Protein backbone atom coordinates (compact mmCIF):
# COMPACT_ATOMS: atom_id res chain seq x y z
CA MET A 1 8.55 -37.00 6.96
CA PRO A 2 5.11 -36.26 5.46
CA ILE A 3 4.68 -36.20 1.69
CA GLU A 4 2.97 -33.18 0.12
CA THR A 5 1.07 -34.07 -3.06
CA GLU A 6 -0.44 -31.23 -5.06
CA ARG A 7 -1.77 -30.04 -8.39
CA LYS A 8 -1.50 -26.43 -9.58
CA PHE A 9 -3.54 -24.49 -12.12
CA LEU A 10 -3.29 -20.97 -13.50
CA ILE A 11 -6.30 -18.77 -12.77
CA ARG A 12 -7.32 -15.52 -14.43
CA PRO A 13 -7.88 -12.69 -11.93
CA GLN A 14 -11.26 -11.87 -13.46
CA ASP A 15 -12.40 -15.46 -12.86
CA ILE A 16 -11.61 -15.16 -9.16
CA ALA A 17 -13.98 -12.20 -9.00
CA ARG A 18 -16.65 -14.17 -10.91
CA PHE A 19 -16.43 -17.62 -9.29
CA VAL A 20 -14.90 -17.33 -5.80
CA PRO A 21 -17.44 -16.38 -3.15
CA SER A 22 -16.63 -13.34 -1.03
CA SER A 23 -17.09 -15.61 2.01
CA ALA A 24 -14.00 -17.68 1.10
CA ASP A 25 -11.44 -17.87 3.90
CA ARG A 26 -8.76 -15.23 3.37
CA VAL A 27 -5.22 -15.01 4.72
CA GLU A 28 -2.32 -12.72 3.81
CA ILE A 29 0.99 -14.55 3.37
CA GLU A 30 4.56 -13.42 3.06
CA GLN A 31 7.33 -15.93 2.65
CA ALA A 32 11.09 -15.68 2.42
CA TYR A 33 13.17 -18.43 0.84
CA ILE A 34 16.50 -18.97 2.53
CA VAL A 35 17.38 -21.78 0.12
CA ALA A 36 15.47 -22.61 -3.08
CA GLY A 37 16.33 -24.93 -5.91
CA PRO A 38 15.65 -28.28 -7.55
CA GLU A 39 17.05 -30.11 -4.50
CA GLY A 40 14.48 -28.55 -2.19
CA ALA A 41 13.74 -25.41 -0.22
CA LEU A 42 13.99 -23.88 3.23
CA ARG A 43 11.58 -21.01 3.85
CA VAL A 44 9.92 -18.98 6.55
CA ARG A 45 6.33 -17.87 6.26
CA ARG A 46 4.04 -15.39 7.98
CA LYS A 47 0.29 -16.02 7.70
CA ARG A 48 -1.87 -13.07 8.72
CA SER A 49 -5.56 -13.49 9.36
CA PRO A 50 -7.94 -11.15 11.19
CA SER A 51 -7.60 -13.25 14.33
CA GLN A 52 -3.87 -14.07 14.48
CA ASP A 53 -0.40 -14.17 12.95
CA VAL A 54 1.28 -17.56 12.50
CA PHE A 55 5.00 -17.96 11.76
CA LEU A 56 6.38 -21.16 10.21
CA LEU A 57 9.70 -22.68 9.18
CA THR A 58 9.32 -25.19 6.33
CA CYS A 59 11.80 -27.61 4.81
CA LYS A 60 10.84 -29.23 1.49
CA GLY A 61 12.65 -31.94 -0.39
CA PRO A 62 12.94 -32.15 -4.19
CA LYS A 63 9.66 -32.32 -6.12
CA THR A 64 8.74 -35.25 -8.32
CA LYS A 65 5.51 -34.92 -10.34
CA GLY A 66 3.85 -32.66 -7.78
CA SER A 67 5.03 -34.56 -4.67
CA ALA A 68 7.72 -33.66 -2.15
CA LYS A 69 8.67 -34.47 1.41
CA GLU A 70 7.78 -31.54 3.65
CA ILE A 71 8.10 -30.75 7.32
CA GLU A 72 6.90 -27.56 8.98
CA PHE A 73 7.49 -26.08 12.44
CA PRO A 74 5.87 -23.14 14.20
CA ILE A 75 8.41 -20.45 15.13
CA SER A 76 8.32 -17.14 16.98
CA TRP A 77 8.07 -13.69 15.42
CA ASN A 78 11.70 -13.05 16.46
CA ARG A 79 12.94 -16.16 14.67
CA TYR A 80 10.83 -15.39 11.60
CA SER A 81 12.08 -11.81 11.33
CA THR A 82 15.71 -12.86 11.85
CA LEU A 83 15.57 -15.70 9.31
CA ALA A 84 13.68 -13.55 6.78
CA THR A 85 16.72 -11.25 6.56
CA CYS A 86 18.63 -14.20 5.03
CA LEU A 87 16.26 -14.46 2.08
CA THR A 88 17.36 -15.47 -1.40
CA GLY A 89 15.58 -13.50 -4.14
CA ARG A 90 12.39 -11.57 -3.43
CA LEU A 91 9.99 -11.76 -0.52
CA LEU A 92 6.77 -13.32 -1.84
CA ARG A 93 3.52 -11.62 -0.89
CA LYS A 94 0.17 -13.14 -1.72
CA THR A 95 -3.43 -13.35 -0.64
CA ARG A 96 -4.68 -16.91 -0.20
CA LEU A 97 -8.37 -17.72 -0.61
CA THR A 98 -9.54 -21.16 0.50
CA LEU A 99 -12.75 -22.77 -0.70
CA SER A 100 -14.25 -26.20 -1.28
CA LEU A 101 -14.65 -27.36 -4.90
CA ASN A 102 -15.75 -30.78 -6.10
CA GLY A 103 -15.09 -32.26 -2.65
CA TYR A 104 -11.56 -30.82 -2.31
CA ASP A 105 -10.10 -27.87 -0.44
CA VAL A 106 -8.65 -25.50 -3.01
CA GLU A 107 -6.23 -22.69 -2.20
CA ILE A 108 -6.10 -19.79 -4.64
CA ASP A 109 -3.02 -17.59 -4.38
CA ILE A 110 -3.17 -14.03 -5.71
CA PHE A 111 0.39 -12.76 -5.96
CA HIS A 112 1.28 -9.12 -5.26
CA GLY A 113 4.13 -6.80 -6.21
CA SER A 114 6.36 -7.82 -9.08
CA LEU A 115 4.56 -11.18 -9.42
CA ALA A 116 1.14 -9.62 -10.07
CA PRO A 117 -1.11 -10.50 -11.88
CA LEU A 118 -0.10 -14.17 -11.35
CA CYS A 119 -2.87 -16.24 -9.73
CA MET A 120 -2.76 -20.00 -9.12
CA ALA A 121 -5.07 -22.59 -7.63
CA GLU A 122 -3.58 -25.49 -5.69
CA VAL A 123 -5.15 -28.73 -4.54
CA GLU A 124 -3.17 -30.63 -1.89
CA SER A 125 -4.38 -34.15 -1.18
CA PRO A 126 -3.03 -37.70 -1.46
CA ASP A 127 -5.76 -38.34 -4.05
CA CYS A 128 -5.54 -35.00 -5.89
CA ALA A 129 -5.07 -36.86 -9.20
CA ALA A 130 -8.82 -37.53 -9.05
CA PHE A 131 -9.66 -33.81 -8.71
CA VAL A 132 -11.74 -32.54 -11.62
CA PRO A 133 -11.02 -28.85 -12.11
CA PRO A 134 -13.93 -26.57 -12.90
CA PRO A 135 -14.11 -25.08 -16.42
CA TRP A 136 -12.88 -21.67 -15.22
CA PHE A 137 -9.51 -23.09 -14.13
CA GLY A 138 -6.73 -22.40 -16.62
CA ARG A 139 -3.79 -24.48 -17.71
CA GLU A 140 -2.42 -27.06 -15.28
CA VAL A 141 1.18 -26.25 -14.30
CA THR A 142 1.82 -29.16 -11.93
CA GLY A 143 5.40 -30.30 -12.38
CA ASP A 144 6.49 -27.12 -14.20
CA PRO A 145 9.29 -25.83 -11.95
CA ARG A 146 8.77 -22.21 -13.11
CA TYR A 147 5.59 -22.06 -11.00
CA ASP A 148 7.11 -23.32 -7.74
CA ASN A 149 7.13 -20.57 -5.15
CA GLY A 150 10.88 -20.96 -4.64
CA ALA A 151 11.47 -20.45 -8.36
CA LEU A 152 9.13 -17.44 -8.35
CA ALA A 153 11.20 -15.91 -5.54
CA LEU A 154 14.30 -16.17 -7.74
CA ALA A 155 12.80 -15.44 -11.17
CA GLU A 156 13.68 -12.22 -12.96
CA THR A 157 10.48 -12.35 -15.05
CA LEU A 158 7.03 -13.84 -14.68
CA PRO A 159 6.42 -17.26 -16.25
CA PRO A 160 3.64 -17.42 -18.89
CA LEU A 161 0.23 -16.52 -17.44
CA ALA A 162 -1.83 -18.55 -19.91
């Protein structure tokens, strides 16, 4: 099973407007957690881009310092829509912008609905410990379980934004 290694940082919405080019790749995401907790997560995700919709089933193991075992499978729209009805907590909706910074692919998630104005940047790479965040990145929240998407789906209130 592949290991996902990541670092997460809070981002201020106004800094996205200032520092992220309008040409950054953009995809709309909605994800439903069927199971979410410290032992891992099972979720379904829909990724909408101008050219296609992709539906995925993901199983993640427990996280340890930003790393977790993860396996992902493509699924059909019918399976996605059926499994999404079994969600625990809220359906997450976010816009994901992808850009290259300091030699790394960085994904910036802009959350919508009750999770707005939360914005986070994520770097996924086996060597992400070497990533040097730009000055406009906020506090690093890697390893803080309140900022895991599964926890956000279950949370009654937003975690601190600064």
